[in-house]
Full PDB file with SEQRES, HELIX, SHEET, SSBOND, CRYST1, ORIGX, SCALE, CONECT and MASTER records, all heavy atoms in Angstrom:
SEQRES   1 A   36  ILE PHE GLY ALA ASN ILE SER LEU SER VAL VAL ASP PHE          
SEQRES   2 A   36  LEU GLN LYS LYS LEU GLN ASP THR ILE ALA VAL GLU GLN          
SEQRES   3 A   36  ALA ASN GLU LEU LEU GLN LYS SER VAL GLY                      
HELIX    1 AA1 LEU A    8  LEU A   18  1                                  11    
HELIX    2 AA2 VAL A   24  VAL A   35  1                                  12    
CRYST1    1.000    1.000    1.000  90.00  90.00  90.00 P 1           1          
ORIGX1      1.000000  0.000000  0.000000        0.00000                         
ORIGX2      0.000000  1.000000  0.000000        0.00000                         
ORIGX3      0.000000  0.000000  1.000000        0.00000                         
SCALE1      1.000000  0.000000  0.000000        0.00000                         
SCALE2      0.000000  1.000000  0.000000        0.00000                         
SCALE3      0.000000  0.000000  1.000000        0.00000                         
ATOM      1  N   ILE A   1      -7.745  -5.835  -7.595  1.00  0.00           N  
ATOM      2  CA  ILE A   1      -8.142  -5.585  -6.217  1.00  0.00           C  
ATOM      3  C   ILE A   1      -9.177  -4.560  -6.187  1.00  0.00           C  
ATOM      4  O   ILE A   1      -9.101  -3.468  -6.839  1.00  0.00           O  
ATOM      5  CB  ILE A   1      -6.906  -5.197  -5.422  1.00  0.00           C  
ATOM      6  CG1 ILE A   1      -5.918  -6.283  -5.319  1.00  0.00           C  
ATOM      7  CG2 ILE A   1      -7.395  -4.709  -4.004  1.00  0.00           C  
ATOM      8  CD1 ILE A   1      -4.717  -5.950  -4.510  1.00  0.00           C  
ATOM      9  N   PHE A   2     -10.288  -4.816  -5.548  1.00  0.00           N  
ATOM     10  CA  PHE A   2     -11.456  -3.882  -5.391  1.00  0.00           C  
ATOM     11  C   PHE A   2     -11.960  -3.458  -6.809  1.00  0.00           C  
ATOM     12  O   PHE A   2     -12.259  -2.336  -7.017  1.00  0.00           O  
ATOM     13  CB  PHE A   2     -11.166  -2.711  -4.499  1.00  0.00           C  
ATOM     14  CG  PHE A   2     -10.749  -3.066  -3.169  1.00  0.00           C  
ATOM     15  CD1 PHE A   2      -9.592  -2.524  -2.541  1.00  0.00           C  
ATOM     16  CD2 PHE A   2     -11.457  -3.958  -2.415  1.00  0.00           C  
ATOM     17  CE1 PHE A   2      -9.137  -2.918  -1.315  1.00  0.00           C  
ATOM     18  CE2 PHE A   2     -11.049  -4.317  -1.120  1.00  0.00           C  
ATOM     19  CZ  PHE A   2      -9.960  -3.765  -0.495  1.00  0.00           C  
ATOM     20  N   GLY A   3     -11.899  -4.263  -7.743  1.00  0.00           N  
ATOM     21  CA  GLY A   3     -12.422  -4.049  -9.080  1.00  0.00           C  
ATOM     22  C   GLY A   3     -11.470  -3.294 -10.000  1.00  0.00           C  
ATOM     23  O   GLY A   3     -11.783  -2.867 -11.058  1.00  0.00           O  
ATOM     24  N   ALA A   4     -10.190  -3.026  -9.523  1.00  0.00           N  
ATOM     25  CA  ALA A   4      -9.248  -2.308 -10.243  1.00  0.00           C  
ATOM     26  C   ALA A   4      -8.069  -3.170 -10.610  1.00  0.00           C  
ATOM     27  O   ALA A   4      -7.619  -3.916  -9.749  1.00  0.00           O  
ATOM     28  CB  ALA A   4      -8.739  -1.074  -9.486  1.00  0.00           C  
ATOM     29  N   ASN A   5      -7.627  -3.089 -11.799  1.00  0.00           N  
ATOM     30  CA  ASN A   5      -6.441  -3.878 -12.289  1.00  0.00           C  
ATOM     31  C   ASN A   5      -5.209  -3.078 -11.845  1.00  0.00           C  
ATOM     32  O   ASN A   5      -5.127  -1.856 -12.085  1.00  0.00           O  
ATOM     33  CB  ASN A   5      -6.389  -4.065 -13.744  1.00  0.00           C  
ATOM     34  CG  ASN A   5      -7.451  -5.033 -14.187  1.00  0.00           C  
ATOM     35  OD1 ASN A   5      -7.672  -6.061 -13.608  1.00  0.00           O  
ATOM     36  ND2 ASN A   5      -8.168  -4.691 -15.281  1.00  0.00           N  
ATOM     37  N   ILE A   6      -4.349  -3.778 -11.120  1.00  0.00           N  
ATOM     38  CA  ILE A   6      -3.085  -3.138 -10.744  1.00  0.00           C  
ATOM     39  C   ILE A   6      -1.925  -3.947 -11.206  1.00  0.00           C  
ATOM     40  O   ILE A   6      -1.901  -5.161 -11.279  1.00  0.00           O  
ATOM     41  CB  ILE A   6      -2.969  -2.854  -9.199  1.00  0.00           C  
ATOM     42  CG1 ILE A   6      -3.062  -4.138  -8.391  1.00  0.00           C  
ATOM     43  CG2 ILE A   6      -4.084  -1.905  -8.746  1.00  0.00           C  
ATOM     44  CD1 ILE A   6      -2.770  -4.011  -6.982  1.00  0.00           C  
ATOM     45  N   SER A   7      -0.847  -3.252 -11.622  1.00  0.00           N  
ATOM     46  CA  SER A   7       0.375  -3.894 -12.136  1.00  0.00           C  
ATOM     47  C   SER A   7       1.173  -4.583 -11.040  1.00  0.00           C  
ATOM     48  O   SER A   7       0.964  -4.273  -9.819  1.00  0.00           O  
ATOM     49  CB  SER A   7       1.207  -2.900 -12.846  1.00  0.00           C  
ATOM     50  OG  SER A   7       1.816  -2.007 -11.923  1.00  0.00           O  
ATOM     51  N   LEU A   8       2.047  -5.496 -11.448  1.00  0.00           N  
ATOM     52  CA  LEU A   8       2.855  -6.164 -10.461  1.00  0.00           C  
ATOM     53  C   LEU A   8       3.823  -5.174  -9.716  1.00  0.00           C  
ATOM     54  O   LEU A   8       4.185  -5.396  -8.602  1.00  0.00           O  
ATOM     55  CB  LEU A   8       3.603  -7.303 -11.118  1.00  0.00           C  
ATOM     56  CG  LEU A   8       2.806  -8.468 -11.522  1.00  0.00           C  
ATOM     57  CD1 LEU A   8       3.567  -9.510 -12.249  1.00  0.00           C  
ATOM     58  CD2 LEU A   8       2.010  -9.048 -10.396  1.00  0.00           C  
ATOM     59  N   SER A   9       4.213  -4.088 -10.474  1.00  0.00           N  
ATOM     60  CA  SER A   9       5.043  -3.109  -9.714  1.00  0.00           C  
ATOM     61  C   SER A   9       4.326  -2.446  -8.585  1.00  0.00           C  
ATOM     62  O   SER A   9       4.918  -2.158  -7.591  1.00  0.00           O  
ATOM     63  CB  SER A   9       5.614  -2.055 -10.724  1.00  0.00           C  
ATOM     64  OG  SER A   9       4.591  -1.391 -11.355  1.00  0.00           O  
ATOM     65  N   VAL A  10       3.030  -2.171  -8.762  1.00  0.00           N  
ATOM     66  CA  VAL A  10       2.180  -1.582  -7.743  1.00  0.00           C  
ATOM     67  C   VAL A  10       2.039  -2.610  -6.611  1.00  0.00           C  
ATOM     68  O   VAL A  10       2.113  -2.252  -5.414  1.00  0.00           O  
ATOM     69  CB  VAL A  10       0.832  -1.127  -8.245  1.00  0.00           C  
ATOM     70  CG1 VAL A  10      -0.049  -0.658  -7.110  1.00  0.00           C  
ATOM     71  CG2 VAL A  10       1.020   0.044  -9.189  1.00  0.00           C  
ATOM     72  N   VAL A  11       1.810  -3.894  -6.961  1.00  0.00           N  
ATOM     73  CA  VAL A  11       1.697  -4.917  -5.996  1.00  0.00           C  
ATOM     74  C   VAL A  11       2.997  -5.013  -5.112  1.00  0.00           C  
ATOM     75  O   VAL A  11       2.911  -5.043  -3.897  1.00  0.00           O  
ATOM     76  CB  VAL A  11       1.420  -6.341  -6.631  1.00  0.00           C  
ATOM     77  CG1 VAL A  11       1.578  -7.442  -5.644  1.00  0.00           C  
ATOM     78  CG2 VAL A  11       0.054  -6.365  -7.253  1.00  0.00           C  
ATOM     79  N   ASP A  12       4.068  -4.971  -5.830  1.00  0.00           N  
ATOM     80  CA  ASP A  12       5.336  -4.980  -5.061  1.00  0.00           C  
ATOM     81  C   ASP A  12       5.563  -3.833  -4.211  1.00  0.00           C  
ATOM     82  O   ASP A  12       5.952  -3.970  -3.029  1.00  0.00           O  
ATOM     83  CB  ASP A  12       6.496  -5.061  -6.157  1.00  0.00           C  
ATOM     84  CG  ASP A  12       7.873  -5.197  -5.519  1.00  0.00           C  
ATOM     85  OD1 ASP A  12       8.057  -6.164  -4.746  1.00  0.00           O  
ATOM     86  OD2 ASP A  12       8.791  -4.368  -5.820  1.00  0.00           O  
ATOM     87  N   PHE A  13       5.181  -2.614  -4.669  1.00  0.00           N  
ATOM     88  CA  PHE A  13       5.261  -1.386  -3.843  1.00  0.00           C  
ATOM     89  C   PHE A  13       4.423  -1.578  -2.608  1.00  0.00           C  
ATOM     90  O   PHE A  13       4.893  -1.259  -1.448  1.00  0.00           O  
ATOM     91  CB  PHE A  13       4.879  -0.201  -4.650  1.00  0.00           C  
ATOM     92  CG  PHE A  13       4.649   1.068  -3.851  1.00  0.00           C  
ATOM     93  CD1 PHE A  13       5.777   1.832  -3.533  1.00  0.00           C  
ATOM     94  CD2 PHE A  13       3.375   1.467  -3.497  1.00  0.00           C  
ATOM     95  CE1 PHE A  13       5.625   2.987  -2.811  1.00  0.00           C  
ATOM     96  CE2 PHE A  13       3.213   2.603  -2.726  1.00  0.00           C  
ATOM     97  CZ  PHE A  13       4.357   3.399  -2.375  1.00  0.00           C  
ATOM     98  N   LEU A  14       3.202  -1.979  -2.776  1.00  0.00           N  
ATOM     99  CA  LEU A  14       2.246  -2.061  -1.608  1.00  0.00           C  
ATOM    100  C   LEU A  14       2.759  -3.178  -0.674  1.00  0.00           C  
ATOM    101  O   LEU A  14       2.636  -2.986   0.554  1.00  0.00           O  
ATOM    102  CB  LEU A  14       0.904  -2.398  -2.113  1.00  0.00           C  
ATOM    103  CG  LEU A  14       0.152  -1.213  -2.730  1.00  0.00           C  
ATOM    104  CD1 LEU A  14      -1.194  -1.685  -3.403  1.00  0.00           C  
ATOM    105  CD2 LEU A  14      -0.111  -0.107  -1.824  1.00  0.00           C  
ATOM    106  N   GLN A  15       3.195  -4.273  -1.146  1.00  0.00           N  
ATOM    107  CA  GLN A  15       3.740  -5.336  -0.280  1.00  0.00           C  
ATOM    108  C   GLN A  15       4.941  -4.812   0.480  1.00  0.00           C  
ATOM    109  O   GLN A  15       4.947  -5.007   1.779  1.00  0.00           O  
ATOM    110  CB  GLN A  15       4.240  -6.571  -1.130  1.00  0.00           C  
ATOM    111  CG  GLN A  15       3.093  -7.375  -1.636  1.00  0.00           C  
ATOM    112  CD  GLN A  15       3.656  -8.406  -2.616  1.00  0.00           C  
ATOM    113  OE1 GLN A  15       4.638  -8.316  -3.263  1.00  0.00           O  
ATOM    114  NE2 GLN A  15       2.917  -9.527  -2.616  1.00  0.00           N  
ATOM    115  N   LYS A  16       5.790  -4.072  -0.046  1.00  0.00           N  
ATOM    116  CA  LYS A  16       6.945  -3.586   0.648  1.00  0.00           C  
ATOM    117  C   LYS A  16       6.511  -2.501   1.727  1.00  0.00           C  
ATOM    118  O   LYS A  16       7.048  -2.499   2.817  1.00  0.00           O  
ATOM    119  CB  LYS A  16       7.942  -2.921  -0.254  1.00  0.00           C  
ATOM    120  CG  LYS A  16       8.740  -3.978  -1.066  1.00  0.00           C  
ATOM    121  CD  LYS A  16       9.741  -3.339  -2.043  1.00  0.00           C  
ATOM    122  CE  LYS A  16      10.431  -4.474  -2.829  1.00  0.00           C  
ATOM    123  NZ  LYS A  16      11.182  -3.860  -3.962  1.00  0.00           N  
ATOM    124  N   LYS A  17       5.612  -1.652   1.373  1.00  0.00           N  
ATOM    125  CA  LYS A  17       5.131  -0.669   2.255  1.00  0.00           C  
ATOM    126  C   LYS A  17       4.339  -1.176   3.423  1.00  0.00           C  
ATOM    127  O   LYS A  17       4.366  -0.706   4.527  1.00  0.00           O  
ATOM    128  CB  LYS A  17       4.232   0.445   1.572  1.00  0.00           C  
ATOM    129  CG  LYS A  17       5.100   1.352   0.659  1.00  0.00           C  
ATOM    130  CD  LYS A  17       6.029   2.294   1.538  1.00  0.00           C  
ATOM    131  CE  LYS A  17       6.777   3.212   0.679  1.00  0.00           C  
ATOM    132  NZ  LYS A  17       7.732   4.023   1.434  1.00  0.00           N  
ATOM    133  N   LEU A  18       3.526  -2.236   3.150  1.00  0.00           N  
ATOM    134  CA  LEU A  18       2.573  -2.652   4.097  1.00  0.00           C  
ATOM    135  C   LEU A  18       2.936  -3.916   4.826  1.00  0.00           C  
ATOM    136  O   LEU A  18       2.191  -4.427   5.739  1.00  0.00           O  
ATOM    137  CB  LEU A  18       1.206  -2.870   3.431  1.00  0.00           C  
ATOM    138  CG  LEU A  18       0.642  -1.645   2.731  1.00  0.00           C  
ATOM    139  CD1 LEU A  18      -0.647  -1.946   2.037  1.00  0.00           C  
ATOM    140  CD2 LEU A  18       0.423  -0.511   3.817  1.00  0.00           C  
ATOM    141  N   GLN A  19       4.054  -4.616   4.471  1.00  0.00           N  
ATOM    142  CA  GLN A  19       4.391  -5.871   5.017  1.00  0.00           C  
ATOM    143  C   GLN A  19       4.389  -5.970   6.523  1.00  0.00           C  
ATOM    144  O   GLN A  19       3.931  -6.938   7.140  1.00  0.00           O  
ATOM    145  CB  GLN A  19       5.670  -6.509   4.421  1.00  0.00           C  
ATOM    146  CG  GLN A  19       6.949  -5.630   4.809  1.00  0.00           C  
ATOM    147  CD  GLN A  19       8.124  -6.231   4.156  1.00  0.00           C  
ATOM    148  OE1 GLN A  19       8.044  -7.198   3.457  1.00  0.00           O  
ATOM    149  NE2 GLN A  19       9.280  -5.593   4.312  1.00  0.00           N  
ATOM    150  N   ASP A  20       4.882  -4.955   7.249  1.00  0.00           N  
ATOM    151  CA  ASP A  20       5.082  -4.964   8.650  1.00  0.00           C  
ATOM    152  C   ASP A  20       3.984  -4.082   9.340  1.00  0.00           C  
ATOM    153  O   ASP A  20       3.980  -3.877  10.542  1.00  0.00           O  
ATOM    154  CB  ASP A  20       6.488  -4.483   9.070  1.00  0.00           C  
ATOM    155  CG  ASP A  20       7.538  -5.367   8.585  1.00  0.00           C  
ATOM    156  OD1 ASP A  20       7.266  -6.591   8.573  1.00  0.00           O  
ATOM    157  OD2 ASP A  20       8.608  -4.887   8.242  1.00  0.00           O  
ATOM    158  N   THR A  21       3.025  -3.602   8.567  1.00  0.00           N  
ATOM    159  CA  THR A  21       1.982  -2.731   9.061  1.00  0.00           C  
ATOM    160  C   THR A  21       0.802  -3.553   9.554  1.00  0.00           C  
ATOM    161  O   THR A  21       0.366  -4.448   8.823  1.00  0.00           O  
ATOM    162  CB  THR A  21       1.553  -1.736   7.960  1.00  0.00           C  
ATOM    163  OG1 THR A  21       2.660  -1.089   7.420  1.00  0.00           O  
ATOM    164  CG2 THR A  21       0.567  -0.685   8.509  1.00  0.00           C  
ATOM    165  N   ILE A  22       0.285  -3.220  10.748  1.00  0.00           N  
ATOM    166  CA  ILE A  22      -0.849  -3.999  11.322  1.00  0.00           C  
ATOM    167  C   ILE A  22      -2.072  -3.167  11.490  1.00  0.00           C  
ATOM    168  O   ILE A  22      -3.173  -3.657  11.613  1.00  0.00           O  
ATOM    169  CB  ILE A  22      -0.498  -4.676  12.575  1.00  0.00           C  
ATOM    170  CG1 ILE A  22      -0.008  -3.843  13.633  1.00  0.00           C  
ATOM    171  CG2 ILE A  22       0.570  -5.822  12.243  1.00  0.00           C  
ATOM    172  CD1 ILE A  22       0.233  -4.465  15.030  1.00  0.00           C  
ATOM    173  N   ALA A  23      -1.918  -1.836  11.550  1.00  0.00           N  
ATOM    174  CA  ALA A  23      -3.047  -1.028  11.844  1.00  0.00           C  
ATOM    175  C   ALA A  23      -3.438  -0.202  10.579  1.00  0.00           C  
ATOM    176  O   ALA A  23      -2.458   0.332   9.879  1.00  0.00           O  
ATOM    177  CB  ALA A  23      -2.782  -0.021  12.965  1.00  0.00           C  
ATOM    178  N   VAL A  24      -4.720  -0.024  10.396  1.00  0.00           N  
ATOM    179  CA  VAL A  24      -5.147   0.760   9.169  1.00  0.00           C  
ATOM    180  C   VAL A  24      -4.687   2.196   9.258  1.00  0.00           C  
ATOM    181  O   VAL A  24      -4.317   2.780   8.196  1.00  0.00           O  
ATOM    182  CB  VAL A  24      -6.716   0.672   9.000  1.00  0.00           C  
ATOM    183  CG1 VAL A  24      -7.407   1.331  10.123  1.00  0.00           C  
ATOM    184  CG2 VAL A  24      -7.190   1.195   7.685  1.00  0.00           C  
ATOM    185  N   GLU A  25      -4.588   2.782  10.419  1.00  0.00           N  
ATOM    186  CA  GLU A  25      -4.172   4.141  10.601  1.00  0.00           C  
ATOM    187  C   GLU A  25      -2.745   4.314  10.163  1.00  0.00           C  
ATOM    188  O   GLU A  25      -2.394   5.264   9.440  1.00  0.00           O  
ATOM    189  CB  GLU A  25      -4.352   4.671  12.004  1.00  0.00           C  
ATOM    190  CG  GLU A  25      -5.788   4.730  12.487  1.00  0.00           C  
ATOM    191  CD  GLU A  25      -6.301   3.367  12.971  1.00  0.00           C  
ATOM    192  OE1 GLU A  25      -5.563   2.406  13.103  1.00  0.00           O  
ATOM    193  OE2 GLU A  25      -7.521   3.320  13.286  1.00  0.00           O  
ATOM    194  N   GLN A  26      -1.883   3.345  10.510  1.00  0.00           N  
ATOM    195  CA  GLN A  26      -0.497   3.334  10.127  1.00  0.00           C  
ATOM    196  C   GLN A  26      -0.300   3.146   8.631  1.00  0.00           C  
ATOM    197  O   GLN A  26       0.506   3.776   7.979  1.00  0.00           O  
ATOM    198  CB  GLN A  26       0.255   2.268  10.929  1.00  0.00           C  
ATOM    199  CG  GLN A  26       1.724   2.205  10.625  1.00  0.00           C  
ATOM    200  CD  GLN A  26       2.420   1.001  11.262  1.00  0.00           C  
ATOM    201  OE1 GLN A  26       1.761   0.077  11.689  1.00  0.00           O  
ATOM    202  NE2 GLN A  26       3.776   1.078  11.354  1.00  0.00           N  
ATOM    203  N   ALA A  27      -1.118   2.285   8.042  1.00  0.00           N  
ATOM    204  CA  ALA A  27      -1.071   2.051   6.620  1.00  0.00           C  
ATOM    205  C   ALA A  27      -1.443   3.302   5.857  1.00  0.00           C  
ATOM    206  O   ALA A  27      -0.804   3.733   4.898  1.00  0.00           O  
ATOM    207  CB  ALA A  27      -1.974   0.949   6.240  1.00  0.00           C  
ATOM    208  N   ASN A  28      -2.530   3.982   6.270  1.00  0.00           N  
ATOM    209  CA  ASN A  28      -2.986   5.211   5.594  1.00  0.00           C  
ATOM    210  C   ASN A  28      -1.871   6.291   5.722  1.00  0.00           C  
ATOM    211  O   ASN A  28      -1.648   7.063   4.775  1.00  0.00           O  
ATOM    212  CB  ASN A  28      -4.279   5.724   6.233  1.00  0.00           C  
ATOM    213  CG  ASN A  28      -5.476   5.011   5.643  1.00  0.00           C  
ATOM    214  OD1 ASN A  28      -5.363   4.582   4.513  1.00  0.00           O  
ATOM    215  ND2 ASN A  28      -6.524   4.941   6.399  1.00  0.00           N  
ATOM    216  N   GLU A  29      -1.244   6.384   6.871  1.00  0.00           N  
ATOM    217  CA  GLU A  29      -0.164   7.335   7.078  1.00  0.00           C  
ATOM    218  C   GLU A  29       1.002   7.034   6.139  1.00  0.00           C  
ATOM    219  O   GLU A  29       1.629   7.962   5.529  1.00  0.00           O  
ATOM    220  CB  GLU A  29       0.283   7.365   8.522  1.00  0.00           C  
ATOM    221  CG  GLU A  29       1.355   8.368   8.825  1.00  0.00           C  
ATOM    222  CD  GLU A  29       1.675   8.420  10.339  1.00  0.00           C  
ATOM    223  OE1 GLU A  29       0.832   8.219  11.189  1.00  0.00           O  
ATOM    224  OE2 GLU A  29       2.895   8.588  10.625  1.00  0.00           O  
ATOM    225  N   LEU A  30       1.382   5.787   6.050  1.00  0.00           N  
ATOM    226  CA  LEU A  30       2.520   5.440   5.182  1.00  0.00           C  
ATOM    227  C   LEU A  30       2.213   5.758   3.753  1.00  0.00           C  
ATOM    228  O   LEU A  30       3.053   6.265   2.959  1.00  0.00           O  
ATOM    229  CB  LEU A  30       2.813   3.849   5.291  1.00  0.00           C  
ATOM    230  CG  LEU A  30       3.610   3.410   6.477  1.00  0.00           C  
ATOM    231  CD1 LEU A  30       3.555   1.934   6.581  1.00  0.00           C  
ATOM    232  CD2 LEU A  30       5.005   3.876   6.393  1.00  0.00           C  
ATOM    233  N   LEU A  31       1.017   5.429   3.258  1.00  0.00           N  
ATOM    234  CA  LEU A  31       0.683   5.667   1.939  1.00  0.00           C  
ATOM    235  C   LEU A  31       0.518   7.219   1.575  1.00  0.00           C  
ATOM    236  O   LEU A  31       0.874   7.710   0.574  1.00  0.00           O  
ATOM    237  CB  LEU A  31      -0.632   5.000   1.514  1.00  0.00           C  
ATOM    238  CG  LEU A  31      -0.465   3.474   1.436  1.00  0.00           C  
ATOM    239  CD1 LEU A  31      -1.776   2.741   1.117  1.00  0.00           C  
ATOM    240  CD2 LEU A  31       0.544   3.162   0.333  1.00  0.00           C  
ATOM    241  N   GLN A  32       0.051   7.966   2.606  1.00  0.00           N  
ATOM    242  CA  GLN A  32      -0.025   9.432   2.408  1.00  0.00           C  
ATOM    243  C   GLN A  32       1.404  10.007   2.266  1.00  0.00           C  
ATOM    244  O   GLN A  32       1.681  10.814   1.341  1.00  0.00           O  
ATOM    245  CB  GLN A  32      -0.725  10.108   3.554  1.00  0.00           C  
ATOM    246  CG  GLN A  32      -0.783  11.601   3.227  1.00  0.00           C  
ATOM    247  CD  GLN A  32      -1.533  12.378   4.341  1.00  0.00           C  
ATOM    248  OE1 GLN A  32      -1.913  11.822   5.348  1.00  0.00           O  
ATOM    249  NE2 GLN A  32      -1.727  13.669   4.152  1.00  0.00           N  
ATOM    250  N   LYS A  33       2.302   9.540   3.103  1.00  0.00           N  
ATOM    251  CA  LYS A  33       3.739  10.003   2.997  1.00  0.00           C  
ATOM    252  C   LYS A  33       4.322   9.578   1.680  1.00  0.00           C  
ATOM    253  O   LYS A  33       5.128  10.344   1.154  1.00  0.00           O  
ATOM    254  CB  LYS A  33       4.531   9.534   4.190  1.00  0.00           C  
ATOM    255  CG  LYS A  33       4.156  10.261   5.521  1.00  0.00           C  
ATOM    256  CD  LYS A  33       5.022   9.724   6.645  1.00  0.00           C  
ATOM    257  CE  LYS A  33       4.611  10.371   7.955  1.00  0.00           C  
ATOM    258  NZ  LYS A  33       5.372   9.834   9.096  1.00  0.00           N  
ATOM    259  N   SER A  34       4.033   8.388   1.216  1.00  0.00           N  
ATOM    260  CA  SER A  34       4.718   7.859   0.007  1.00  0.00           C  
ATOM    261  C   SER A  34       4.116   8.412  -1.270  1.00  0.00           C  
ATOM    262  O   SER A  34       4.901   8.773  -2.186  1.00  0.00           O  
ATOM    263  CB  SER A  34       4.527   6.367   0.019  1.00  0.00           C  
ATOM    264  OG  SER A  34       5.133   5.782   1.093  1.00  0.00           O  
ATOM    265  N   VAL A  35       2.798   8.509  -1.343  1.00  0.00           N  
ATOM    266  CA  VAL A  35       2.207   8.932  -2.672  1.00  0.00           C  
ATOM    267  C   VAL A  35       1.184  10.010  -2.580  1.00  0.00           C  
ATOM    268  O   VAL A  35       0.676  10.465  -3.555  1.00  0.00           O  
ATOM    269  CB  VAL A  35       1.565   7.651  -3.334  1.00  0.00           C  
ATOM    270  CG1 VAL A  35       2.580   6.663  -3.731  1.00  0.00           C  
ATOM    271  CG2 VAL A  35       0.493   7.067  -2.389  1.00  0.00           C  
ATOM    272  N   GLY A  36       0.949  10.487  -1.271  1.00  0.00           N  
ATOM    273  CA  GLY A  36       0.050  11.605  -1.139  1.00  0.00           C  
ATOM    274  C   GLY A  36      -1.427  11.367  -1.108  1.00  0.00           C  
ATOM    275  O   GLY A  36      -2.241  12.215  -1.139  1.00  0.00           O  
TER     276      GLY A  36                                                      
MASTER        0    0    0    2    0    0    0    6  275    1    0    3          
END                                                                             
């Protein structure tokens, strides 16, 4: 994704975090809280 190889565990993590997210602002907030 975007030129970077990511593992399936990262894909799974992102899918779970972002599955119900529809706004970029909400997605950024979730990722900041999860991984900084």
